PDB file of N, CA and C in Angstrom:
ATOM      1  N   ASP A   1       4.316   9.331  -1.784  1.00  0.00           N
ATOM      2  CA  ASP A   1       3.568  10.131  -0.840  1.00  0.00           C
ATOM      3  C   ASP A   1       2.317   9.391  -0.404  1.00  0.00           C
ATOM      4  N   LEU A   2       1.618   9.947   0.539  1.00  0.00           N
ATOM      5  CA  LEU A   2       0.461   9.281   1.127  1.00  0.00           C
ATOM      6  C   LEU A   2      -0.635   9.036   0.098  1.00  0.00           C
ATOM      7  N   GLU A   3      -0.864   9.999  -0.775  1.00  0.00           N
ATOM      8  CA  GLU A   3      -1.902   9.852  -1.795  1.00  0.00           C
ATOM      9  C   GLU A   3      -1.619   8.648  -2.693  1.00  0.00           C
ATOM     10  N   HIS A   4      -0.377   8.501  -3.081  1.00  0.00           N
ATOM     11  CA  HIS A   4       0.021   7.370  -3.927  1.00  0.00           C
ATOM     12  C   HIS A   4      -0.213   6.048  -3.196  1.00  0.00           C
ATOM     13  N   VAL A   5       0.126   6.023  -1.928  1.00  0.00           N
ATOM     14  CA  VAL A   5      -0.077   4.807  -1.136  1.00  0.00           C
ATOM     15  C   VAL A   5      -1.561   4.471  -1.058  1.00  0.00           C
ATOM     16  N   GLU A   6      -2.388   5.482  -0.873  1.00  0.00           N
ATOM     17  CA  GLU A   6      -3.825   5.230  -0.793  1.00  0.00           C
ATOM     18  C   GLU A   6      -4.360   4.671  -2.111  1.00  0.00           C
ATOM     19  N   VAL A   7      -3.867   5.187  -3.232  1.00  0.00           N
ATOM     20  CA  VAL A   7      -4.282   4.670  -4.541  1.00  0.00           C
ATOM     21  C   VAL A   7      -3.848   3.216  -4.689  1.00  0.00           C
ATOM     22  N   LEU A   8      -2.591   2.940  -4.341  1.00  0.00           N
ATOM     23  CA  LEU A   8      -2.091   1.569  -4.441  1.00  0.00           C
ATOM     24  C   LEU A   8      -2.815   0.639  -3.478  1.00  0.00           C
ATOM     25  N   GLN A   9      -3.129   1.155  -2.304  1.00  0.00           N
ATOM     26  CA  GLN A   9      -3.849   0.342  -1.328  1.00  0.00           C
ATOM     27  C   GLN A   9      -5.230  -0.022  -1.873  1.00  0.00           C
ATOM     28  N   LYS A  10      -5.897   0.933  -2.511  1.00  0.00           N
ATOM     29  CA  LYS A  10      -7.211   0.658  -3.092  1.00  0.00           C
ATOM     30  C   LYS A  10      -7.096  -0.392  -4.195  1.00  0.00           C
ATOM     31  N   LYS A  11      -6.068  -0.261  -5.049  1.00  0.00           N
ATOM     32  CA  LYS A  11      -5.866  -1.252  -6.105  1.00  0.00           C
ATOM     33  C   LYS A  11      -5.617  -2.634  -5.511  1.00  0.00           C
ATOM     34  N   PHE A  12      -4.825  -2.680  -4.450  1.00  0.00           N
ATOM     35  CA  PHE A  12      -4.537  -3.958  -3.814  1.00  0.00           C
ATOM     36  C   PHE A  12      -5.800  -4.557  -3.210  1.00  0.00           C
ATOM     37  N   GLU A  13      -6.630  -3.728  -2.588  1.00  0.00           N
ATOM     38  CA  GLU A  13      -7.886  -4.227  -2.025  1.00  0.00           C
ATOM     39  C   GLU A  13      -8.784  -4.783  -3.128  1.00  0.00           C
ATOM     40  N   GLU A  14      -8.813  -4.102  -4.282  1.00  0.00           N
ATOM     41  CA  GLU A  14      -9.590  -4.600  -5.415  1.00  0.00           C
ATOM     42  C   GLU A  14      -9.033  -5.935  -5.904  1.00  0.00           C
ATOM     43  N   PHE A  15      -7.705  -6.036  -5.952  1.00  0.00           N
ATOM     44  CA  PHE A  15      -7.065  -7.284  -6.355  1.00  0.00           C
ATOM     45  C   PHE A  15      -7.442  -8.410  -5.399  1.00  0.00           C
ATOM     46  N   GLN A  16      -7.385  -8.140  -4.095  1.00  0.00           N
ATOM     47  CA  GLN A  16      -7.731  -9.162  -3.110  1.00  0.00           C
ATOM     48  C   GLN A  16      -9.190  -9.582  -3.256  1.00  0.00           C
ATOM     49  N   THR A  17     -10.055  -8.623  -3.512  1.00  0.00           N
ATOM     50  CA  THR A  17     -11.470  -8.928  -3.699  1.00  0.00           C
ATOM     51  C   THR A  17     -11.663  -9.825  -4.918  1.00  0.00           C
ATOM     52  N   ASP A  18     -10.995  -9.471  -6.022  1.00  0.00           N
ATOM     53  CA  ASP A  18     -11.085 -10.297  -7.232  1.00  0.00           C
ATOM     54  C   ASP A  18     -10.545 -11.699  -6.983  1.00  0.00           C
ATOM     55  N   LEU A  19      -9.418 -11.776  -6.301  1.00  0.00           N
ATOM     56  CA  LEU A  19      -8.809 -13.071  -6.015  1.00  0.00           C
ATOM     57  C   LEU A  19      -9.738 -13.920  -5.150  1.00  0.00           C
ATOM     58  N   ALA A  20     -10.319 -13.310  -4.140  1.00  0.00           N
ATOM     59  CA  ALA A  20     -11.233 -14.041  -3.261  1.00  0.00           C
ATOM     60  C   ALA A  20     -12.474 -14.491  -4.031  1.00  0.00           C
ATOM     61  N   ALA A  21     -12.952 -13.645  -4.938  1.00  0.00           N
ATOM     62  CA  ALA A  21     -14.142 -13.985  -5.719  1.00  0.00           C
ATOM     63  C   ALA A  21     -13.884 -15.166  -6.650  1.00  0.00           C
ATOM     64  N   HIS A  22     -12.657 -15.307  -7.116  1.00  0.00           N
ATOM     65  CA  HIS A  22     -12.331 -16.376  -8.058  1.00  0.00           C
ATOM     66  C   HIS A  22     -11.586 -17.541  -7.417  1.00  0.00           C
ATOM     67  N   GLU A  23     -11.398 -17.480  -6.119  1.00  0.00           N
ATOM     68  CA  GLU A  23     -10.608 -18.517  -5.443  1.00  0.00           C
ATOM     69  C   GLU A  23     -11.201 -19.908  -5.653  1.00  0.00           C
ATOM     70  N   GLU A  24     -12.506 -20.021  -5.535  1.00  0.00           N
ATOM     71  CA  GLU A  24     -13.141 -21.330  -5.703  1.00  0.00           C
ATOM     72  C   GLU A  24     -12.918 -21.853  -7.124  1.00  0.00           C
ATOM     73  N   ARG A  25     -13.049 -20.976  -8.096  1.00  0.00           N
ATOM     74  CA  ARG A  25     -12.857 -21.383  -9.496  1.00  0.00           C
ATOM     75  C   ARG A  25     -11.407 -21.798  -9.744  1.00  0.00           C
ATOM     76  N   VAL A  26     -10.469 -21.040  -9.181  1.00  0.00           N
ATOM     77  CA  VAL A  26      -9.050 -21.381  -9.327  1.00  0.00           C
ATOM     78  C   VAL A  26      -8.787 -22.765  -8.742  1.00  0.00           C
ATOM     79  N   ASN A  27      -9.346 -23.035  -7.579  1.00  0.00           N
ATOM     80  CA  ASN A  27      -9.170 -24.348  -6.953  1.00  0.00           C
ATOM     81  C   ASN A  27      -9.768 -25.457  -7.813  1.00  0.00           C
ATOM     82  N   GLU A  28     -10.942 -25.197  -8.389  1.00  0.00           N
ATOM     83  CA  GLU A  28     -11.573 -26.189  -9.257  1.00  0.00           C
ATOM     84  C   GLU A  28     -10.703 -26.482 -10.481  1.00  0.00           C
ATOM     85  N   VAL A  29     -10.187 -25.426 -11.082  1.00  0.00           N
ATOM     86  CA  VAL A  29      -9.337 -25.596 -12.268  1.00  0.00           C
ATOM     87  C   VAL A  29      -8.076 -26.375 -11.904  1.00  0.00           C
ATOM     88  N   ASN A  30      -7.479 -26.051 -10.773  1.00  0.00           N
ATOM     89  CA  ASN A  30      -6.275 -26.769 -10.340  1.00  0.00           C
ATOM     90  C   ASN A  30      -6.569 -28.243 -10.078  1.00  0.00           C
ATOM     91  N   GLN A  31      -7.715 -28.531  -9.479  1.00  0.00           N
ATOM     92  CA  GLN A  31      -8.085 -29.928  -9.228  1.00  0.00           C
ATOM     93  C   GLN A  31      -8.314 -30.670 -10.543  1.00  0.00           C
ATOM     94  N   ALA A  32      -8.999 -30.004 -11.474  1.00  0.00           N
ATOM     95  CA  ALA A  32      -9.243 -30.631 -12.777  1.00  0.00           C
ATOM     96  C   ALA A  32      -7.924 -30.867 -13.513  1.00  0.00           C
ATOM     97  N   ALA A  33      -7.026 -29.903 -13.417  1.00  0.00           N
ATOM     98  CA  ALA A  33      -5.717 -30.053 -14.063  1.00  0.00           C
ATOM     99  C   ALA A  33      -4.956 -31.219 -13.446  1.00  0.00           C
ATOM    100  N   GLY A  34      -5.001 -31.337 -12.147  1.00  0.00           N
ATOM    101  CA  GLY A  34      -4.332 -32.451 -11.472  1.00  0.00           C
ATOM    102  C   GLY A  34      -4.902 -33.788 -11.904  1.00  0.00           C
ATOM    103  N   LYS A  35      -6.216 -33.836 -12.018  1.00  0.00           N
ATOM    104  CA  LYS A  35      -6.865 -35.081 -12.432  1.00  0.00           C
ATOM    105  C   LYS A  35      -6.473 -35.451 -13.868  1.00  0.00           C
ATOM    106  N   LEU A  36      -6.462 -34.456 -14.758  1.00  0.00           N
ATOM    107  CA  LEU A  36      -6.104 -34.720 -16.154  1.00  0.00           C
ATOM    108  C   LEU A  36      -4.660 -35.177 -16.292  1.00  0.00           C
ATOM    109  N   THR A  37      -3.766 -34.587 -15.531  1.00  0.00           N
ATOM    110  CA  THR A  37      -2.357 -34.999 -15.630  1.00  0.00           C
ATOM    111  C   THR A  37      -2.152 -36.385 -15.044  1.00  0.00           C
ATOM    112  N   GLN A  38      -2.909 -36.732 -14.010  1.00  0.00           N
ATOM    113  CA  GLN A  38      -2.798 -38.077 -13.427  1.00  0.00           C
ATOM    114  C   GLN A  38      -3.319 -39.139 -14.391  1.00  0.00           C
ATOM    115  N   GLU A  39      -4.279 -38.741 -15.208  1.00  0.00           N
ATOM    116  CA  GLU A  39      -4.863 -39.682 -16.168  1.00  0.00           C
ATOM    117  C   GLU A  39      -4.078 -39.711 -17.482  1.00  0.00           C
ATOM    118  N   ASN A  40      -2.882 -39.111 -17.472  1.00  0.00           N
ATOM    119  CA  ASN A  40      -2.024 -39.077 -18.664  1.00  0.00           C
ATOM    120  C   ASN A  40      -2.729 -38.489 -19.888  1.00  0.00           C
ATOM    121  N   HIS A  41      -3.389 -37.385 -19.678  1.00  0.00           N
ATOM    122  CA  HIS A  41      -4.055 -36.669 -20.769  1.00  0.00           C
ATOM    123  C   HIS A  41      -3.008 -36.285 -21.818  1.00  0.00           C
ATOM    124  N   PRO A  42      -3.361 -36.331 -23.116  1.00  0.00           N
ATOM    125  CA  PRO A  42      -2.384 -36.010 -24.161  1.00  0.00           C
ATOM    126  C   PRO A  42      -1.800 -34.593 -24.034  1.00  0.00           C
ATOM    127  N   GLU A  43      -2.525 -33.707 -23.424  1.00  0.00           N
ATOM    128  CA  GLU A  43      -2.055 -32.329 -23.249  1.00  0.00           C
ATOM    129  C   GLU A  43      -1.574 -32.090 -21.817  1.00  0.00           C
ATOM    130  N   ALA A  44      -1.167 -33.143 -21.144  1.00  0.00           N
ATOM    131  CA  ALA A  44      -0.769 -33.036 -19.734  1.00  0.00           C
ATOM    132  C   ALA A  44       0.355 -32.025 -19.531  1.00  0.00           C
ATOM    133  N   GLU A  45       1.303 -32.020 -20.445  1.00  0.00           N
ATOM    134  CA  GLU A  45       2.431 -31.091 -20.304  1.00  0.00           C
ATOM    135  C   GLU A  45       1.948 -29.636 -20.389  1.00  0.00           C
ATOM    136  N   LEU A  46       1.065 -29.365 -21.334  1.00  0.00           N
ATOM    137  CA  LEU A  46       0.508 -28.020 -21.488  1.00  0.00           C
ATOM    138  C   LEU A  46      -0.335 -27.643 -20.267  1.00  0.00           C
ATOM    139  N   ILE A  47      -1.085 -28.602 -19.774  1.00  0.00           N
ATOM    140  CA  ILE A  47      -1.916 -28.363 -18.588  1.00  0.00           C
ATOM    141  C   ILE A  47      -1.041 -27.995 -17.396  1.00  0.00           C
ATOM    142  N   LEU A  48       0.034 -28.747 -17.200  1.00  0.00           N
ATOM    143  CA  LEU A  48       0.954 -28.444 -16.095  1.00  0.00           C
ATOM    144  C   LEU A  48       1.566 -27.055 -16.252  1.00  0.00           C
ATOM    145  N   LYS A  49       1.920 -26.730 -17.489  1.00  0.00           N
ATOM    146  CA  LYS A  49       2.513 -25.413 -17.746  1.00  0.00           C
ATOM    147  C   LYS A  49       1.520 -24.306 -17.385  1.00  0.00           C
ATOM    148  N   LYS A  50       0.280 -24.454 -17.808  1.00  0.00           N
ATOM    149  CA  LYS A  50      -0.746 -23.454 -17.504  1.00  0.00           C
ATOM    150  C   LYS A  50      -0.992 -23.370 -16.000  1.00  0.00           C
ATOM    151  N   GLN A  51      -0.986 -24.519 -15.359  1.00  0.00           N
ATOM    152  CA  GLN A  51      -1.187 -24.551 -13.912  1.00  0.00           C
ATOM    153  C   GLN A  51      -0.041 -23.811 -13.209  1.00  0.00           C
ATOM    154  N   GLU A  52       1.175 -24.048 -13.658  1.00  0.00           N
ATOM    155  CA  GLU A  52       2.333 -23.367 -13.077  1.00  0.00           C
ATOM    156  C   GLU A  52       2.265 -21.862 -13.326  1.00  0.00           C
ATOM    157  N   GLU A  53       1.796 -21.467 -14.506  1.00  0.00           N
ATOM    158  CA  GLU A  53       1.649 -20.039 -14.798  1.00  0.00           C
ATOM    159  C   GLU A  53       0.633 -19.400 -13.851  1.00  0.00           C
ATOM    160  N   GLY A  54      -0.453 -20.126 -13.603  1.00  0.00           N
ATOM    161  CA  GLY A  54      -1.462 -19.617 -12.670  1.00  0.00           C
ATOM    162  C   GLY A  54      -0.905 -19.460 -11.269  1.00  0.00           C
ATOM    163  N   LEU A  55      -0.132 -20.449 -10.839  1.00  0.00           N
ATOM    164  CA  LEU A  55       0.488 -20.363  -9.513  1.00  0.00           C
ATOM    165  C   LEU A  55       1.491 -19.217  -9.451  1.00  0.00           C
ATOM    166  N   ALA A  56       2.220 -19.025 -10.545  1.00  0.00           N
ATOM    167  CA  ALA A  56       3.184 -17.918 -10.587  1.00  0.00           C
ATOM    168  C   ALA A  56       2.459 -16.580 -10.482  1.00  0.00           C
ATOM    169  N   GLN A  57       1.315 -16.470 -11.133  1.00  0.00           N
ATOM    170  CA  GLN A  57       0.536 -15.236 -11.040  1.00  0.00           C
ATOM    171  C   GLN A  57       0.027 -15.013  -9.619  1.00  0.00           C
ATOM    172  N   GLN A  58      -0.386 -16.093  -8.969  1.00  0.00           N
ATOM    173  CA  GLN A  58      -0.825 -15.969  -7.575  1.00  0.00           C
ATOM    174  C   GLN A  58       0.329 -15.500  -6.697  1.00  0.00           C
ATOM    175  N   ARG A  59       1.492 -16.088  -6.889  1.00  0.00           N
ATOM    176  CA  ARG A  59       2.669 -15.684  -6.106  1.00  0.00           C
ATOM    177  C   ARG A  59       3.021 -14.227  -6.375  1.00  0.00           C
ATOM    178  N   GLN A  60       2.938 -13.841  -7.633  1.00  0.00           N
ATOM    179  CA  GLN A  60       3.224 -12.454  -7.988  1.00  0.00           C
ATOM    180  C   GLN A  60       2.230 -11.522  -7.289  1.00  0.00           C
ATOM    181  N   GLY A  61       0.986 -11.917  -7.247  1.00  0.00           N
ATOM    182  CA  GLY A  61      -0.021 -11.115  -6.559  1.00  0.00           C
ATOM    183  C   GLY A  61       0.279 -10.979  -5.080  1.00  0.00           C
ATOM    184  N   LYS A  62       0.697 -12.083  -4.474  1.00  0.00           N
ATOM    185  CA  LYS A  62       1.046 -12.035  -3.050  1.00  0.00           C
ATOM    186  C   LYS A  62       2.270 -11.158  -2.814  1.00  0.00           C
ATOM    187  N   LEU A  63       3.234 -11.253  -3.712  1.00  0.00           N
ATOM    188  CA  LEU A  63       4.426 -10.417  -3.603  1.00  0.00           C
ATOM    189  C   LEU A  63       4.062  -8.946  -3.753  1.00  0.00           C
ATOM    190  N   PHE A  64       3.200  -8.662  -4.715  1.00  0.00           N
ATOM    191  CA  PHE A  64       2.725  -7.295  -4.907  1.00  0.00           C
ATOM    192  C   PHE A  64       2.054  -6.794  -3.631  1.00  0.00           C
ATOM    193  N   GLY A  65       1.235  -7.641  -3.046  1.00  0.00           N
ATOM    194  CA  GLY A  65       0.559  -7.262  -1.808  1.00  0.00           C
ATOM    195  C   GLY A  65       1.533  -6.992  -0.678  1.00  0.00           C
ATOM    196  N   ALA A  66       2.531  -7.839  -0.552  1.00  0.00           N
ATOM    197  CA  ALA A  66       3.531  -7.646   0.504  1.00  0.00           C
ATOM    198  C   ALA A  66       4.299  -6.347   0.285  1.00  0.00           C
ATOM    199  N   ALA A  67       4.617  -6.051  -0.967  1.00  0.00           N
ATOM    200  CA  ALA A  67       5.325  -4.800  -1.266  1.00  0.00           C
ATOM    201  C   ALA A  67       4.456  -3.600  -0.926  1.00  0.00           C
ATOM    202  N   GLU A  68       3.175  -3.689  -1.220  1.00  0.00           N
ATOM    203  CA  GLU A  68       2.261  -2.593  -0.899  1.00  0.00           C
ATOM    204  C   GLU A  68       2.172  -2.378   0.606  1.00  0.00           C
ATOM    205  N   VAL A  69       2.126  -3.458   1.346  1.00  0.00           N
ATOM    206  CA  VAL A  69       2.083  -3.350   2.809  1.00  0.00           C
ATOM    207  C   VAL A  69       3.347  -2.675   3.318  1.00  0.00           C
ATOM    208  N   GLN A  70       4.491  -3.058   2.775  1.00  0.00           N
ATOM    209  CA  GLN A  70       5.752  -2.455   3.203  1.00  0.00           C
ATOM    210  C   GLN A  70       5.802  -0.968   2.858  1.00  0.00           C
ATOM    211  N   ARG A  71       5.340  -0.620   1.668  1.00  0.00           N
ATOM    212  CA  ARG A  71       5.307   0.798   1.286  1.00  0.00           C
ATOM    213  C   ARG A  71       4.375   1.571   2.210  1.00  0.00           C
ATOM    214  N   PHE A  72       3.237   0.988   2.482  1.00  0.00           N
ATOM    215  CA  PHE A  72       2.274   1.639   3.372  1.00  0.00           C
ATOM    216  C   PHE A  72       2.887   1.846   4.753  1.00  0.00           C
ATOM    217  N   ASN A  73       3.529   0.810   5.288  1.00  0.00           N
ATOM    218  CA  ASN A  73       4.168   0.930   6.605  1.00  0.00           C
ATOM    219  C   ASN A  73       5.246   2.002   6.605  1.00  0.00           C
ATOM    220  N   ARG A  74       6.033   2.054   5.537  1.00  0.00           N
ATOM    221  CA  ARG A  74       7.072   3.080   5.436  1.00  0.00           C
ATOM    222  C   ARG A  74       6.458   4.476   5.446  1.00  0.00           C
ATOM    223  N   ASP A  75       5.393   4.657   4.667  1.00  0.00           N
ATOM    224  CA  ASP A  75       4.755   5.969   4.608  1.00  0.00           C
ATOM    225  C   ASP A  75       4.110   6.342   5.933  1.00  0.00           C
ATOM    226  N   VAL A  76       3.553   5.363   6.619  1.00  0.00           N
ATOM    227  CA  VAL A  76       2.982   5.626   7.939  1.00  0.00           C
ATOM    228  C   VAL A  76       4.079   6.066   8.899  1.00  0.00           C
ATOM    229  N   ASP A  77       5.206   5.366   8.880  1.00  0.00           N
ATOM    230  CA  ASP A  77       6.329   5.738   9.753  1.00  0.00           C
ATOM    231  C   ASP A  77       6.819   7.151   9.453  1.00  0.00           C
ATOM    232  N   GLU A  78       6.925   7.487   8.165  1.00  0.00           N
ATOM    233  CA  GLU A  78       7.369   8.829   7.792  1.00  0.00           C
ATOM    234  C   GLU A  78       6.371   9.888   8.256  1.00  0.00           C
ATOM    235  N   THR A  79       5.090   9.595   8.119  1.00  0.00           N
ATOM    236  CA  THR A  79       4.064  10.546   8.543  1.00  0.00           C
ATOM    237  C   THR A  79       4.080  10.727  10.051  1.00  0.00           C
ATOM    238  N   ILE A  80       4.240   9.647  10.777  1.00  0.00           N
ATOM    239  CA  ILE A  80       4.310   9.738  12.241  1.00  0.00           C
ATOM    240  C   ILE A  80       5.525  10.550  12.660  1.00  0.00           C
ATOM    241  N   SER A  81       6.658  10.332  12.024  1.00  0.00           N
ATOM    242  CA  SER A  81       7.867  11.111  12.333  1.00  0.00           C
ATOM    243  C   SER A  81       7.637  12.590  12.051  1.00  0.00           C
ATOM    244  N   TRP A  82       6.998  12.879  10.932  1.00  0.00           N
ATOM    245  CA  TRP A  82       6.703  14.268  10.576  1.00  0.00           C
ATOM    246  C   TRP A  82       5.811  14.909  11.631  1.00  0.00           C
ATOM    247  N   ILE A  83       4.779  14.183  12.058  1.00  0.00           N
ATOM    248  CA  ILE A  83       3.857  14.706  13.074  1.00  0.00           C
ATOM    249  C   ILE A  83       4.593  14.967  14.381  1.00  0.00           C
ATOM    250  N   LYS A  84       5.444  14.039  14.797  1.00  0.00           N
ATOM    251  CA  LYS A  84       6.200  14.229  16.042  1.00  0.00           C
ATOM    252  C   LYS A  84       7.107  15.450  15.952  1.00  0.00           C
ATOM    253  N   GLU A  85       7.739  15.627  14.800  1.00  0.00           N
ATOM    254  CA  GLU A  85       8.607  16.790  14.604  1.00  0.00           C
ATOM    255  C   GLU A  85       7.801  18.086  14.733  1.00  0.00           C
ATOM    256  N   LYS A  86       6.635  18.109  14.128  1.00  0.00           N
ATOM    257  CA  LYS A  86       5.794  19.308  14.179  1.00  0.00           C
ATOM    258  C   LYS A  86       5.230  19.524  15.583  1.00  0.00           C
ATOM    259  N   GLU A  87       4.934  18.447  16.299  1.00  0.00           N
ATOM    260  CA  GLU A  87       4.464  18.577  17.685  1.00  0.00           C
ATOM    261  C   GLU A  87       5.514  19.265  18.549  1.00  0.00           C
ATOM    262  N   GLN A  88       6.777  18.908  18.336  1.00  0.00           N
ATOM    263  CA  GLN A  88       7.853  19.531  19.110  1.00  0.00           C
ATOM    264  C   GLN A  88       7.936  21.022  18.814  1.00  0.00           C
ATOM    265  N   LEU A  89       7.766  21.385  17.552  1.00  0.00           N
ATOM    266  CA  LEU A  89       7.780  22.809  17.204  1.00  0.00           C
ATOM    267  C   LEU A  89       6.619  23.545  17.864  1.00  0.00           C
ATOM    268  N   MET A  90       5.460  22.908  17.888  1.00  0.00           N
ATOM    269  CA  MET A  90       4.274  23.549  18.464  1.00  0.00           C
ATOM    270  C   MET A  90       4.349  23.623  19.986  1.00  0.00           C
ATOM    271  N   ALA A  91       5.092  22.744  20.601  1.00  0.00           N
ATOM    272  CA  ALA A  91       5.190  22.708  22.062  1.00  0.00           C
ATOM    273  C   ALA A  91       6.195  23.725  22.596  1.00  0.00           C
ATOM    274  N   SER A  92       6.865  24.425  21.716  1.00  0.00           N
ATOM    275  CA  SER A  92       7.891  25.386  22.127  1.00  0.00           C
ATOM    276  C   SER A  92       7.277  26.527  22.941  1.00  0.00           C
ATOM    277  N   ASP A  93       8.028  26.981  23.931  1.00  0.00           N
ATOM    278  CA  ASP A  93       7.602  28.119  24.754  1.00  0.00           C
ATOM    279  C   ASP A  93       8.092  29.439  24.171  1.00  0.00           C
ATOM    280  N   ASP A  94       8.709  29.391  23.006  1.00  0.00           N
ATOM    281  CA  ASP A  94       9.215  30.604  22.362  1.00  0.00           C
ATOM    282  C   ASP A  94       8.050  31.334  21.699  1.00  0.00           C
ATOM    283  N   PHE A  95       7.696  32.486  22.258  1.00  0.00           N
ATOM    284  CA  PHE A  95       6.611  33.294  21.706  1.00  0.00           C
ATOM    285  C   PHE A  95       7.154  34.526  20.987  1.00  0.00           C
ATOM    286  N   GLY A  96       8.456  34.590  20.850  1.00  0.00           N
ATOM    287  CA  GLY A  96       9.093  35.713  20.175  1.00  0.00           C
ATOM    288  C   GLY A  96       9.459  36.811  21.160  1.00  0.00           C
ATOM    289  N   ARG A  97      10.565  37.476  20.854  1.00  0.00           N
ATOM    290  CA  ARG A  97      11.036  38.539  21.745  1.00  0.00           C
ATOM    291  C   ARG A  97      10.686  39.914  21.205  1.00  0.00           C
ATOM    292  N   ASP A  98      10.512  39.988  19.897  1.00  0.00           N
ATOM    293  CA  ASP A  98      10.202  41.267  19.268  1.00  0.00           C
ATOM    294  C   ASP A  98       9.287  41.009  18.076  1.00  0.00           C
ATOM    295  N   LEU A  99       8.905  42.062  17.390  1.00  0.00           N
ATOM    296  CA  LEU A  99       7.961  41.940  16.284  1.00  0.00           C
ATOM    297  C   LEU A  99       8.484  41.006  15.192  1.00  0.00           C
ATOM    298  N   ALA A 100       9.738  41.118  14.844  1.00  0.00           N
ATOM    299  CA  ALA A 100      10.308  40.288  13.774  1.00  0.00           C
ATOM    300  C   ALA A 100      10.268  38.806  14.138  1.00  0.00           C
ATOM    301  N   SER A 101      10.615  38.468  15.368  1.00  0.00           N
ATOM    302  CA  SER A 101      10.604  37.056  15.764  1.00  0.00           C
ATOM    303  C   SER A 101       9.175  36.525  15.876  1.00  0.00           C
ATOM    304  N   VAL A 102       8.244  37.375  16.318  1.00  0.00           N
ATOM    305  CA  VAL A 102       6.833  36.962  16.376  1.00  0.00           C
ATOM    306  C   VAL A 102       6.317  36.705  14.962  1.00  0.00           C
ATOM    307  N   GLN A 103       6.660  37.583  14.024  1.00  0.00           N
ATOM    308  CA  GLN A 103       6.226  37.402  12.635  1.00  0.00           C
ATOM    309  C   GLN A 103       6.836  36.129  12.031  1.00  0.00           C
ATOM    310  N   ALA A 104       8.077  35.835  12.357  1.00  0.00           N
ATOM    311  CA  ALA A 104       8.723  34.612  11.867  1.00  0.00           C
ATOM    312  C   ALA A 104       8.012  33.380  12.415  1.00  0.00           C
ATOM    313  N   LEU A 105       7.679  33.417  13.701  1.00  0.00           N
ATOM    314  CA  LEU A 105       6.951  32.291  14.299  1.00  0.00           C
ATOM    315  C   LEU A 105       5.566  32.149  13.677  1.00  0.00           C
ATOM    316  N   LEU A 106       4.931  33.266  13.394  1.00  0.00           N
ATOM    317  CA  LEU A 106       3.612  33.240  12.765  1.00  0.00           C
ATOM    318  C   LEU A 106       3.697  32.619  11.368  1.00  0.00           C
ATOM    319  N   ARG A 107       4.730  32.955  10.611  1.00  0.00           N
ATOM    320  CA  ARG A 107       4.914  32.351   9.279  1.00  0.00           C
ATOM    321  C   ARG A 107       5.135  30.840   9.393  1.00  0.00           C
ATOM    322  N   LYS A 108       5.907  30.427  10.380  1.00  0.00           N
ATOM    323  CA  LYS A 108       6.119  28.986  10.599  1.00  0.00           C
ATOM    324  C   LYS A 108       4.791  28.297  10.907  1.00  0.00           C
ATOM    325  N   HIS A 109       3.997  28.950  11.752  1.00  0.00           N
ATOM    326  CA  HIS A 109       2.705  28.372  12.133  1.00  0.00           C
ATOM    327  C   HIS A 109       1.780  28.283  10.914  1.00  0.00           C
ATOM    328  N   GLU A 110       1.749  29.326  10.108  1.00  0.00           N
ATOM    329  CA  GLU A 110       0.915  29.305   8.898  1.00  0.00           C
ATOM    330  C   GLU A 110       1.396  28.218   7.932  1.00  0.00           C
ATOM    331  N   GLY A 111       2.712  28.051   7.838  1.00  0.00           N
ATOM    332  CA  GLY A 111       3.257  26.979   7.001  1.00  0.00           C
ATOM    333  C   GLY A 111       2.822  25.609   7.497  1.00  0.00           C
ATOM    334  N   LEU A 112       2.837  25.446   8.805  1.00  0.00           N
ATOM    335  CA  LEU A 112       2.395  24.185   9.396  1.00  0.00           C
ATOM    336  C   LEU A 112       0.921  23.937   9.097  1.00  0.00           C
ATOM    337  N   GLU A 113       0.104  24.980   9.205  1.00  0.00           N
ATOM    338  CA  GLU A 113      -1.320  24.829   8.895  1.00  0.00           C
ATOM    339  C   GLU A 113      -1.525  24.415   7.438  1.00  0.00           C
ATOM    340  N   ARG A 114      -0.739  24.994   6.529  1.00  0.00           N
ATOM    341  CA  ARG A 114      -0.835  24.605   5.109  1.00  0.00           C
ATOM    342  C   ARG A 114      -0.418  23.148   4.924  1.00  0.00           C
ATOM    343  N   ASP A 115       0.662  22.758   5.597  1.00  0.00           N
ATOM    344  CA  ASP A 115       1.124  21.368   5.508  1.00  0.00           C
ATOM    345  C   ASP A 115       0.062  20.402   6.020  1.00  0.00           C
ATOM    346  N   LEU A 116      -0.568  20.761   7.130  1.00  0.00           N
ATOM    347  CA  LEU A 116      -1.618  19.907   7.696  1.00  0.00           C
ATOM    348  C   LEU A 116      -2.816  19.822   6.757  1.00  0.00           C
ATOM    349  N   ALA A 117      -3.184  20.954   6.155  1.00  0.00           N
ATOM    350  CA  ALA A 117      -4.306  20.952   5.210  1.00  0.00           C
ATOM    351  C   ALA A 117      -3.983  20.071   4.004  1.00  0.00           C
ATOM    352  N   ALA A 118      -2.749  20.161   3.514  1.00  0.00           N
ATOM    353  CA  ALA A 118      -2.343  19.329   2.374  1.00  0.00           C
ATOM    354  C   ALA A 118      -2.362  17.853   2.752  1.00  0.00           C
ATOM    355  N   LEU A 119      -1.895  17.548   3.948  1.00  0.00           N
ATOM    356  CA  LEU A 119      -1.893  16.161   4.418  1.00  0.00           C
ATOM    357  C   LEU A 119      -3.318  15.645   4.566  1.00  0.00           C
ATOM    358  N   GLU A 120      -4.197  16.498   5.070  1.00  0.00           N
ATOM    359  CA  GLU A 120      -5.594  16.101   5.251  1.00  0.00           C
ATOM    360  C   GLU A 120      -6.268  15.847   3.908  1.00  0.00           C
ATOM    361  N   ASP A 121      -5.945  16.656   2.891  1.00  0.00           N
ATOM    362  CA  ASP A 121      -6.536  16.484   1.561  1.00  0.00           C
ATOM    363  C   ASP A 121      -6.150  15.155   0.929  1.00  0.00           C
ATOM    364  N   LYS A 122      -4.977  14.645   1.287  1.00  0.00           N
ATOM    365  CA  LYS A 122      -4.516  13.378   0.719  1.00  0.00           C
ATOM    366  C   LYS A 122      -5.287  12.259   1.341  1.00  0.00           C
TER     367      LYS A 122
END
């Protein structure tokens, strides 16, 4: 639902902020690792492994971000479809023919107002 997407979007924004804040340090570490492996450091294999793990984490973060964007887009599309459906109901010229049909339309309208309030709260 929309609330869940907003929570995930906030988490993703925090992740991006953290990543951007540490980007310079990550680059420095990668450069140092490259230099150590070129100099045949005794722990070169371990350094490469750690460097690869860091890159894998970065890729995972990017994948997570892409998934969040896709979920957000899906939820936006669903919300837009819902709004269009409700607009069509509201645009109807049916005002009811008798008391029972007017009351039914009124209940539909009240239901729509509740749905809109719930959507707004999210």
